[in-house]
Amino acid sequence: MFHAREQSRTAERELAREIVRDPSAVAALQRRTLAVIIASQVVAGMGLSAGISVGALLAQQMLGDDSTTRLPVALFTLGSALSAWLIGQASQRRGRRWGLGVGFTVGGIGALGVVLAAALNGPGLLFPFLFIYGAGSATNMQARYAGTDLARPESRARATSTALVATTVGAVAGPNLVTPLGHVAEALGLPALAGPFLLSAAAYLGAGLVLFARLRPDPLLLAREIRLSHPDIDEPATPAGVSTAGSRAGIVVAALIMIVGQIVMVAIMAVTPVHIRATGHGMSAVGVIIGLHVAAMYLPSPLTGRLVDRYGQRPVAAASALVLAASGVFAFNAHTLLATGTALVLLGLGWNLGLVSGSAMLTDHTPAPRRASIQGTVDVLISLSGAAASALAGLVMAQTSYAALGLVGTGIALALLPALLWAHHHTPTKGL
């Protein structure tokens, strides 16, 4: 194995030297990398959303207790947090291909474990496998960074958005397959709610296979070799005109943008399936609403990327805070399915604006030699924030109402605006 790894590194060094002689080849390799990322994200998207939409309902069915509905998403996001750190460390050492490929494979194993738990009606198996299943989500999110490894600084937001929008095809289809997948599961002698996790297992394992087979040369390792062979071919460690202190501040603000978006999004989304069922609607309605939400999370990505590259990161982040706040207002008045759907669409859009702008800001302010590990660490904080939001959302809804949760989300979203104003004076970047 060590010999094979050294051969791979030697090949990447040779390719880097060729690229230095023909710098235009970087663009061709970037296009190829994005094509592979797109293929894996389309497949993985189905696994991302299909399981999320029914995890809370599966726990509710097994335990017969509404108070446990917050646990699946909490465990899922905690698993994502640990996986994000491990994927970041693995990518830093062995490249994106290894980190992302193993991450998706572990997520697929977790989905198979959830199916086994449903078949045996074993909550003791369900919760640990939901934790493992979170690796798939963490990998799906880390893939957005793989699209930026070979991208120029002025096009990084668009590269990030390309990886995100690829998730849309599968992510929108996944929740709307809940009912037919339930029929498939029942035909196999399994509970209907196990059906979406069968799809998740196939999707994550398939995405891992795509990356292992096709993500060659590895974009992160190749970019590293290019910098070593020709240091002036890429940007400096921090953007022009930004001090080291300013770079650290940029990392903090970028993380805060994405953390706030994750907190508001997860808190409201996690209990929405239960709210929809409580208002007398069935699983088909849950699938449609979650599908619209996931579409809003990913489909606007190309436009968001262009907005960030043209107008700057902080203006788009401010728009994220305002859209998330509006989502909370609609959730406060979610007395109809239309109002609930509007809240979830705005929730997804606000999350998208924050993720693309925050990811671009993070990459711009992160030293290239430590980029993958810092990206993974920030994603840990994002996932942990989501886990805490999920747990607290269940408590808020149990003690008060879905409407009260909407107001809390609005307040948290608006709290981001003062931080962005502070960033205006400490992290000078394009757009302001």
Protein backbone atom coordinates (compact mmCIF):
# COMPACT_ATOMS: atom_id res chain seq x y z
CA MET A 1 0.00 0.00 0.00
CA PHE A 2 2.84 2.37 0.89
CA HIS A 3 4.56 1.59 -2.43
CA ALA A 4 1.34 2.31 -4.35
CA ARG A 5 0.90 5.60 -2.51
CA GLU A 6 4.44 6.67 -3.37
CA GLN A 7 3.85 5.76 -7.03
CA SER A 8 0.71 7.94 -7.02
CA ARG A 9 2.61 10.86 -5.49
CA THR A 10 5.40 10.48 -8.05
CA ALA A 11 2.86 10.57 -10.87
CA GLU A 12 1.28 13.71 -9.41
CA ARG A 13 4.70 15.39 -9.18
CA GLU A 14 5.41 14.58 -12.83
CA LEU A 15 1.98 15.87 -13.85
CA ALA A 16 2.57 19.05 -11.85
CA ARG A 17 5.82 19.67 -13.71
CA GLU A 18 4.02 19.22 -17.04
CA ILE A 19 1.33 21.67 -15.97
CA VAL A 20 3.96 24.25 -15.03
CA ARG A 21 5.22 23.99 -18.60
CA ASP A 22 1.61 24.32 -19.88
CA PRO A 23 -0.41 26.31 -17.31
CA SER A 24 -3.57 26.19 -19.49
CA ALA A 25 -3.82 22.51 -18.57
CA VAL A 26 -5.00 23.49 -15.09
CA ALA A 27 -8.32 24.66 -16.55
CA ALA A 28 -8.84 21.32 -18.30
CA LEU A 29 -8.09 19.39 -15.12
CA GLN A 30 -10.44 21.67 -13.17
CA ARG A 31 -13.24 20.90 -15.63
CA ARG A 32 -12.56 17.17 -15.31
CA THR A 33 -12.52 17.38 -11.51
CA LEU A 34 -15.83 19.24 -11.48
CA ALA A 35 -17.36 16.63 -13.80
CA VAL A 36 -16.41 13.84 -11.39
CA ILE A 37 -17.66 15.83 -8.39
CA ILE A 38 -20.94 16.51 -10.20
CA ALA A 39 -21.43 12.82 -10.97
CA SER A 40 -20.81 11.77 -7.37
CA GLN A 41 -23.01 14.54 -5.94
CA VAL A 42 -25.96 13.68 -8.20
CA VAL A 43 -25.85 10.11 -6.92
CA ALA A 44 -25.20 11.05 -3.29
CA GLY A 45 -27.96 13.65 -3.23
CA MET A 46 -30.63 10.96 -3.08
CA GLY A 47 -29.00 9.47 0.00
CA LEU A 48 -28.71 12.87 1.65
CA SER A 49 -32.39 13.76 1.64
CA ALA A 50 -34.29 10.49 1.54
CA GLY A 51 -33.16 9.38 4.99
CA ILE A 52 -33.39 12.83 6.61
CA SER A 53 -37.06 13.15 5.70
CA VAL A 54 -38.11 10.02 7.62
CA GLY A 55 -35.51 9.53 10.37
CA ALA A 56 -37.61 11.30 13.00
CA LEU A 57 -40.73 9.39 11.96
CA LEU A 58 -38.89 6.05 12.15
CA ALA A 59 -37.80 6.75 15.73
CA GLN A 60 -41.32 7.90 16.60
CA GLN A 61 -42.75 4.66 15.17
CA MET A 62 -40.27 2.45 17.02
CA LEU A 63 -40.57 4.14 20.42
CA GLY A 64 -44.08 5.59 20.25
CA ASP A 65 -42.85 8.80 21.88
CA ASP A 66 -42.89 12.24 20.25
CA SER A 67 -40.13 13.47 22.56
CA THR A 68 -37.63 11.21 20.76
CA THR A 69 -38.19 12.82 17.36
CA ARG A 70 -35.27 15.20 17.92
CA LEU A 71 -32.78 12.37 18.52
CA PRO A 72 -32.36 11.07 14.94
CA VAL A 73 -31.35 14.42 13.45
CA ALA A 74 -29.19 15.18 16.52
CA LEU A 75 -27.34 11.86 16.15
CA PHE A 76 -27.14 12.32 12.41
CA THR A 77 -25.55 15.75 12.79
CA LEU A 78 -23.21 14.59 15.56
CA GLY A 79 -22.05 11.81 13.26
CA SER A 80 -21.57 14.42 10.56
CA ALA A 81 -19.45 16.49 12.93
CA LEU A 82 -17.03 13.69 13.76
CA SER A 83 -16.91 12.62 10.12
CA ALA A 84 -16.19 16.17 8.94
CA TRP A 85 -13.09 16.32 11.10
CA LEU A 86 -11.92 12.85 10.02
CA ILE A 87 -12.56 13.61 6.35
CA GLY A 88 -10.66 16.90 6.63
CA GLN A 89 -7.69 15.17 8.27
CA ALA A 90 -7.72 12.29 5.78
CA SER A 91 -7.96 14.69 2.84
CA GLN A 92 -5.07 16.75 4.19
CA ARG A 93 -2.88 13.64 4.40
CA ARG A 94 -4.04 11.49 1.49
CA GLY A 95 -6.12 13.74 -0.76
CA ARG A 96 -9.77 14.36 -1.58
CA ARG A 97 -10.22 11.02 -3.34
CA TRP A 98 -9.43 9.05 -0.21
CA GLY A 99 -11.24 11.32 2.25
CA LEU A 100 -14.45 11.67 0.24
CA GLY A 101 -14.52 8.09 -1.03
CA VAL A 102 -14.21 6.56 2.43
CA GLY A 103 -16.71 9.07 3.86
CA PHE A 104 -19.43 8.09 1.41
CA THR A 105 -18.72 4.40 1.94
CA VAL A 106 -19.11 4.75 5.72
CA GLY A 107 -22.37 6.67 5.20
CA GLY A 108 -23.67 3.82 3.04
CA ILE A 109 -22.81 1.29 5.75
CA GLY A 110 -24.69 3.43 8.27
CA ALA A 111 -27.78 3.46 6.02
CA LEU A 112 -27.67 -0.34 5.74
CA GLY A 113 -27.45 -0.52 9.53
CA VAL A 114 -30.60 1.64 9.86
CA VAL A 115 -32.42 -0.79 7.55
CA LEU A 116 -31.29 -3.67 9.77
CA ALA A 117 -32.49 -1.82 12.88
CA ALA A 118 -35.89 -1.23 11.26
CA ALA A 119 -36.16 -4.89 10.25
CA LEU A 120 -35.40 -6.02 13.80
CA ASN A 121 -37.40 -3.17 15.40
CA GLY A 122 -34.30 -2.42 17.46
CA PRO A 123 -33.89 1.17 18.71
CA GLY A 124 -30.59 0.09 20.24
CA LEU A 125 -29.29 -0.45 16.70
CA LEU A 126 -31.12 2.48 15.13
CA PHE A 127 -29.39 5.28 17.01
CA PRO A 128 -25.74 4.22 16.58
CA PHE A 129 -26.30 3.53 12.88
CA LEU A 130 -27.95 6.93 12.44
CA PHE A 131 -24.75 8.36 13.92
CA ILE A 132 -22.66 6.48 11.33
CA TYR A 133 -25.10 7.46 8.58
CA GLY A 134 -24.16 11.10 9.23
CA ALA A 135 -20.82 10.47 7.50
CA GLY A 136 -22.63 10.61 4.17
CA SER A 137 -23.91 14.13 4.83
CA ALA A 138 -20.48 15.33 6.01
CA THR A 139 -18.88 13.95 2.85
CA ASN A 140 -21.52 15.53 0.66
CA MET A 141 -20.70 18.91 2.19
CA GLN A 142 -16.91 18.45 2.08
CA ALA A 143 -17.13 17.74 -1.66
CA ARG A 144 -17.85 21.45 -2.26
CA TYR A 145 -14.26 22.20 -1.30
CA ALA A 146 -12.86 19.68 -3.79
CA GLY A 147 -14.23 21.85 -6.57
CA THR A 148 -12.08 24.79 -5.41
CA ASP A 149 -8.68 23.09 -5.14
CA LEU A 150 -7.68 23.87 -8.73
CA ALA A 151 -9.94 26.92 -9.18
CA ARG A 152 -8.65 30.46 -9.43
CA PRO A 153 -9.58 32.76 -6.50
CA GLU A 154 -11.94 34.87 -8.62
CA SER A 155 -14.03 31.81 -9.56
CA ARG A 156 -14.07 29.86 -6.30
CA ALA A 157 -17.65 30.73 -5.38
CA ARG A 158 -18.84 29.44 -8.75
CA ALA A 159 -16.80 26.25 -8.28
CA THR A 160 -18.37 25.77 -4.86
CA SER A 161 -21.84 26.36 -6.27
CA THR A 162 -21.28 23.86 -9.08
CA ALA A 163 -20.59 21.09 -6.58
CA LEU A 164 -23.64 22.09 -4.53
CA VAL A 165 -26.11 22.32 -7.40
CA ALA A 166 -25.15 18.84 -8.57
CA THR A 167 -26.75 17.55 -5.38
CA THR A 168 -30.11 18.98 -6.42
CA VAL A 169 -31.12 16.27 -8.88
CA GLY A 170 -30.86 13.44 -6.40
CA ALA A 171 -31.79 15.49 -3.34
CA VAL A 172 -35.10 16.64 -4.82
CA ALA A 173 -35.96 13.17 -6.11
CA GLY A 174 -35.16 11.46 -2.80
CA PRO A 175 -37.99 12.77 -0.58
CA ASN A 176 -40.55 12.31 -3.34
CA LEU A 177 -39.61 8.63 -3.53
CA VAL A 178 -40.54 8.07 0.12
CA THR A 179 -43.92 6.48 -0.66
CA PRO A 180 -42.81 4.19 -3.54
CA LEU A 181 -39.68 3.21 -1.60
CA GLY A 182 -41.98 2.31 1.29
CA HIS A 183 -43.81 -0.08 -1.01
CA VAL A 184 -40.50 -1.61 -2.06
CA ALA A 185 -39.49 -2.10 1.57
CA GLU A 186 -42.82 -3.71 2.40
CA ALA A 187 -42.45 -6.07 -0.55
CA LEU A 188 -39.11 -7.12 0.96
CA GLY A 189 -40.72 -7.72 4.35
CA LEU A 190 -39.33 -4.51 5.87
CA PRO A 191 -41.12 -1.58 7.52
CA ALA A 192 -42.16 1.05 4.99
CA LEU A 193 -39.97 3.73 6.61
CA ALA A 194 -36.87 1.60 5.93
CA GLY A 195 -37.33 2.13 2.19
CA PRO A 196 -35.61 5.54 1.94
CA PHE A 197 -32.56 4.17 3.75
CA LEU A 198 -32.24 1.42 1.14
CA LEU A 199 -31.91 4.22 -1.41
CA SER A 200 -29.45 6.07 0.82
CA ALA A 201 -27.22 3.00 1.09
CA ALA A 202 -27.12 2.52 -2.69
CA ALA A 203 -26.58 6.24 -3.31
CA TYR A 204 -23.71 6.70 -0.87
CA LEU A 205 -21.93 3.50 -1.85
CA GLY A 206 -22.33 4.44 -5.52
CA ALA A 207 -20.94 7.94 -4.94
CA GLY A 208 -17.95 6.50 -3.10
CA LEU A 209 -17.27 4.17 -6.03
CA VAL A 210 -17.39 7.06 -8.51
CA LEU A 211 -14.83 9.02 -6.52
CA PHE A 212 -12.47 6.11 -5.95
CA ALA A 213 -12.54 5.22 -9.64
CA ARG A 214 -12.55 8.63 -11.33
CA LEU A 215 -11.10 11.36 -9.07
CA ARG A 216 -7.63 11.02 -10.59
CA PRO A 217 -5.38 12.93 -10.36
CA ASP A 218 -6.38 14.00 -6.89
CA PRO A 219 -7.11 17.78 -7.08
CA LEU A 220 -5.84 18.64 -3.60
CA LEU A 221 -2.57 16.70 -3.90
CA LEU A 222 -2.03 17.98 -7.43
CA ALA A 223 -2.63 21.59 -6.37
CA ARG A 224 -0.12 21.08 -3.57
CA GLU A 225 2.48 19.73 -5.98
CA ILE A 226 1.87 22.61 -8.38
CA ARG A 227 2.53 25.10 -5.59
CA LEU A 228 5.73 23.29 -4.61
CA SER A 229 6.94 23.12 -8.21
CA HIS A 230 5.93 26.67 -9.10
CA PRO A 231 4.90 28.78 -6.07
CA ASP A 232 3.78 31.79 -8.13
CA ILE A 233 1.21 29.82 -10.14
CA ASP A 234 -1.36 30.17 -7.34
CA GLU A 235 -2.45 32.94 -5.02
CA PRO A 236 -0.57 33.77 -1.82
CA ALA A 237 -1.66 32.23 1.47
CA THR A 238 -3.96 35.17 2.20
CA PRO A 239 -5.76 37.54 -0.18
CA ALA A 240 -3.92 40.64 -1.29
CA GLY A 241 -4.12 43.42 1.25
CA VAL A 242 -5.29 41.20 4.09
CA SER A 243 -3.06 40.77 7.13
CA THR A 244 -2.59 37.53 9.05
CA ALA A 245 -4.87 38.90 11.77
CA GLY A 246 -7.39 39.85 9.11
CA SER A 247 -7.15 36.34 7.69
CA ARG A 248 -7.94 34.84 11.11
CA ALA A 249 -10.87 37.21 11.46
CA GLY A 250 -12.07 36.17 8.03
CA ILE A 251 -12.02 32.51 9.06
CA VAL A 252 -14.04 33.32 12.19
CA VAL A 253 -16.64 35.34 10.30
CA ALA A 254 -16.89 32.75 7.52
CA ALA A 255 -17.49 30.04 10.10
CA LEU A 256 -20.10 32.19 11.85
CA ILE A 257 -22.01 32.79 8.61
CA MET A 258 -22.30 29.06 7.96
CA ILE A 259 -22.99 28.16 11.61
CA VAL A 260 -25.91 30.59 11.88
CA GLY A 261 -27.38 29.26 8.65
CA GLN A 262 -27.04 25.69 9.88
CA ILE A 263 -28.59 26.42 13.27
CA VAL A 264 -31.68 28.09 11.83
CA MET A 265 -32.06 25.59 9.00
CA VAL A 266 -31.70 22.44 11.11
CA ALA A 267 -33.84 23.74 13.99
CA ILE A 268 -36.86 24.41 11.78
CA MET A 269 -36.35 21.61 9.26
CA ALA A 270 -35.84 18.87 11.87
CA VAL A 271 -39.33 19.13 13.33
CA THR A 272 -41.22 20.16 10.20
CA PRO A 273 -42.15 16.54 9.23
CA VAL A 274 -43.72 16.08 12.66
CA HIS A 275 -45.52 19.45 12.35
CA ILE A 276 -46.89 18.46 8.93
CA ARG A 277 -48.18 15.14 10.25
CA ALA A 278 -49.67 16.88 13.29
CA THR A 279 -51.71 19.15 11.01
CA GLY A 280 -53.35 16.13 9.39
CA HIS A 281 -51.22 15.62 6.27
CA GLY A 282 -49.60 12.36 5.18
CA MET A 283 -46.18 11.15 4.08
CA SER A 284 -46.66 12.40 0.52
CA ALA A 285 -47.00 15.96 1.84
CA VAL A 286 -43.85 15.49 3.93
CA GLY A 287 -41.98 14.32 0.84
CA VAL A 288 -43.12 17.27 -1.28
CA ILE A 289 -42.30 19.91 1.34
CA ILE A 290 -38.89 18.45 2.17
CA GLY A 291 -38.19 18.07 -1.55
CA LEU A 292 -38.96 21.77 -2.14
CA HIS A 293 -36.78 22.67 0.85
CA VAL A 294 -33.82 20.66 -0.43
CA ALA A 295 -34.27 22.12 -3.92
CA ALA A 296 -34.05 25.60 -2.42
CA MET A 297 -30.92 24.54 -0.53
CA TYR A 298 -29.03 23.57 -3.68
CA LEU A 299 -30.75 24.69 -6.90
CA PRO A 300 -29.94 28.43 -6.58
CA SER A 301 -26.22 27.66 -6.16
CA PRO A 302 -25.04 28.78 -9.65
CA LEU A 303 -26.77 32.15 -9.24
CA THR A 304 -25.47 32.47 -5.67
CA GLY A 305 -21.93 31.74 -6.83
CA ARG A 306 -22.13 34.44 -9.48
CA LEU A 307 -23.53 36.93 -7.00
CA VAL A 308 -20.67 36.23 -4.58
CA ASP A 309 -18.01 36.52 -7.27
CA ARG A 310 -19.54 39.76 -8.58
CA TYR A 311 -20.75 41.61 -5.48
CA GLY A 312 -18.68 40.08 -2.68
CA GLN A 313 -19.14 37.64 0.14
CA ARG A 314 -20.55 39.84 2.90
CA PRO A 315 -23.47 41.35 0.95
CA VAL A 316 -24.64 37.85 0.03
CA ALA A 317 -24.17 36.72 3.64
CA ALA A 318 -26.34 39.65 4.79
CA ALA A 319 -29.01 38.57 2.31
CA SER A 320 -28.78 35.10 3.85
CA ALA A 321 -29.58 36.49 7.30
CA LEU A 322 -32.60 38.40 6.01
CA VAL A 323 -34.02 35.44 4.07
CA LEU A 324 -33.57 33.11 7.06
CA ALA A 325 -35.37 35.66 9.25
CA ALA A 326 -38.25 35.77 6.76
CA SER A 327 -38.43 31.97 6.89
CA GLY A 328 -38.88 32.12 10.64
CA VAL A 329 -41.73 34.61 10.23
CA PHE A 330 -43.54 32.25 7.84
CA ALA A 331 -42.96 29.34 10.23
CA PHE A 332 -44.58 31.45 12.96
CA ASN A 333 -47.69 31.65 10.74
CA ALA A 334 -47.52 28.09 9.34
CA HIS A 335 -51.20 27.27 9.78
CA THR A 336 -51.49 25.85 6.25
CA LEU A 337 -49.39 23.56 4.09
CA LEU A 338 -48.70 26.50 1.75
CA ALA A 339 -47.28 28.60 4.59
CA THR A 340 -45.17 25.68 5.81
CA GLY A 341 -43.85 25.11 2.29
CA THR A 342 -43.00 28.80 1.89
CA ALA A 343 -41.12 28.78 5.19
CA LEU A 344 -39.11 25.72 4.14
CA VAL A 345 -38.28 27.14 0.69
CA LEU A 346 -37.03 30.40 2.22
CA LEU A 347 -35.15 28.36 4.81
CA GLY A 348 -33.31 26.45 2.11
CA LEU A 349 -32.54 29.59 0.10
CA GLY A 350 -31.17 31.45 3.12
CA TRP A 351 -28.98 28.47 3.99
CA ASN A 352 -27.66 28.36 0.41
CA LEU A 353 -26.74 32.06 0.37
CA GLY A 354 -24.85 31.65 3.64
CA LEU A 355 -23.09 28.43 2.70
CA VAL A 356 -21.77 29.62 -0.67
CA SER A 357 -20.64 33.03 0.62
CA GLY A 358 -19.19 31.54 3.82
CA SER A 359 -17.36 28.75 1.97
CA ALA A 360 -15.78 31.22 -0.45
CA MET A 361 -14.72 33.50 2.42
CA LEU A 362 -13.25 30.56 4.34
CA THR A 363 -11.20 29.37 1.37
CA ASP A 364 -9.94 32.88 0.62
CA HIS A 365 -8.68 33.38 4.19
CA THR A 366 -7.23 29.92 4.77
CA PRO A 367 -3.50 29.23 4.19
CA ALA A 368 -3.18 26.78 1.31
CA PRO A 369 -0.98 24.19 3.12
CA ARG A 370 -3.57 23.82 5.91
CA ARG A 371 -6.72 24.40 3.88
CA ALA A 372 -8.29 20.91 4.01
CA SER A 373 -7.82 20.44 7.75
CA ILE A 374 -9.20 23.91 8.57
CA GLN A 375 -12.16 23.35 6.26
CA GLY A 376 -12.87 20.08 8.03
CA THR A 377 -12.60 21.71 11.46
CA VAL A 378 -15.04 24.46 10.51
CA ASP A 379 -17.47 21.85 9.19
CA VAL A 380 -17.22 20.12 12.60
CA LEU A 381 -18.43 23.33 14.24
CA ILE A 382 -21.21 23.63 11.69
CA SER A 383 -22.39 20.07 12.34
CA LEU A 384 -22.17 20.40 16.13
CA SER A 385 -24.22 23.58 15.92
CA GLY A 386 -26.78 21.73 13.86
CA ALA A 387 -26.90 18.89 16.39
CA ALA A 388 -27.49 21.31 19.25
CA ALA A 389 -30.14 23.14 17.22
CA SER A 390 -31.95 19.88 16.48
CA ALA A 391 -32.01 18.83 20.12
CA LEU A 392 -33.15 22.24 21.35
CA ALA A 393 -35.76 22.51 18.58
CA GLY A 394 -37.46 19.36 19.82
CA LEU A 395 -37.57 20.77 23.35
CA VAL A 396 -38.89 24.15 22.20
CA MET A 397 -41.62 22.53 20.13
CA ALA A 398 -42.58 20.14 22.94
CA GLN A 399 -42.82 22.97 25.49
CA THR A 400 -44.24 25.67 23.22
CA SER A 401 -45.03 25.33 19.52
CA TYR A 402 -43.71 25.27 15.97
CA ALA A 403 -44.65 28.96 15.75
CA ALA A 404 -42.43 29.83 18.72
CA LEU A 405 -39.55 27.98 17.07
CA GLY A 406 -40.01 30.17 14.01
CA LEU A 407 -39.60 33.32 16.10
CA VAL A 408 -36.43 31.95 17.71
CA GLY A 409 -35.02 31.24 14.24
CA THR A 410 -35.76 34.80 13.15
CA GLY A 411 -33.91 36.24 16.12
CA ILE A 412 -30.84 34.06 15.58
CA ALA A 413 -30.69 34.95 11.88
CA LEU A 414 -30.86 38.70 12.52
CA ALA A 415 -28.06 38.41 15.10
CA LEU A 416 -25.68 37.69 12.20
CA LEU A 417 -25.99 41.24 10.84
CA PRO A 418 -23.90 42.95 13.59
CA ALA A 419 -21.14 40.37 13.05
CA LEU A 420 -21.06 41.20 9.34
CA LEU A 421 -20.84 44.89 10.17
CA TRP A 422 -17.86 44.14 12.42
CA ALA A 423 -16.30 42.10 9.60
CA HIS A 424 -16.56 45.10 7.30
CA HIS A 425 -13.94 46.87 9.43
CA HIS A 426 -11.64 43.87 10.04
CA THR A 427 -11.61 41.71 6.90
CA PRO A 428 -11.33 43.79 3.70
CA THR A 429 -12.38 41.63 0.75
CA LYS A 430 -13.83 42.08 -2.70
CA GLY A 431 -17.28 43.59 -2.79
CA LEU A 432 -17.11 46.18 0.01
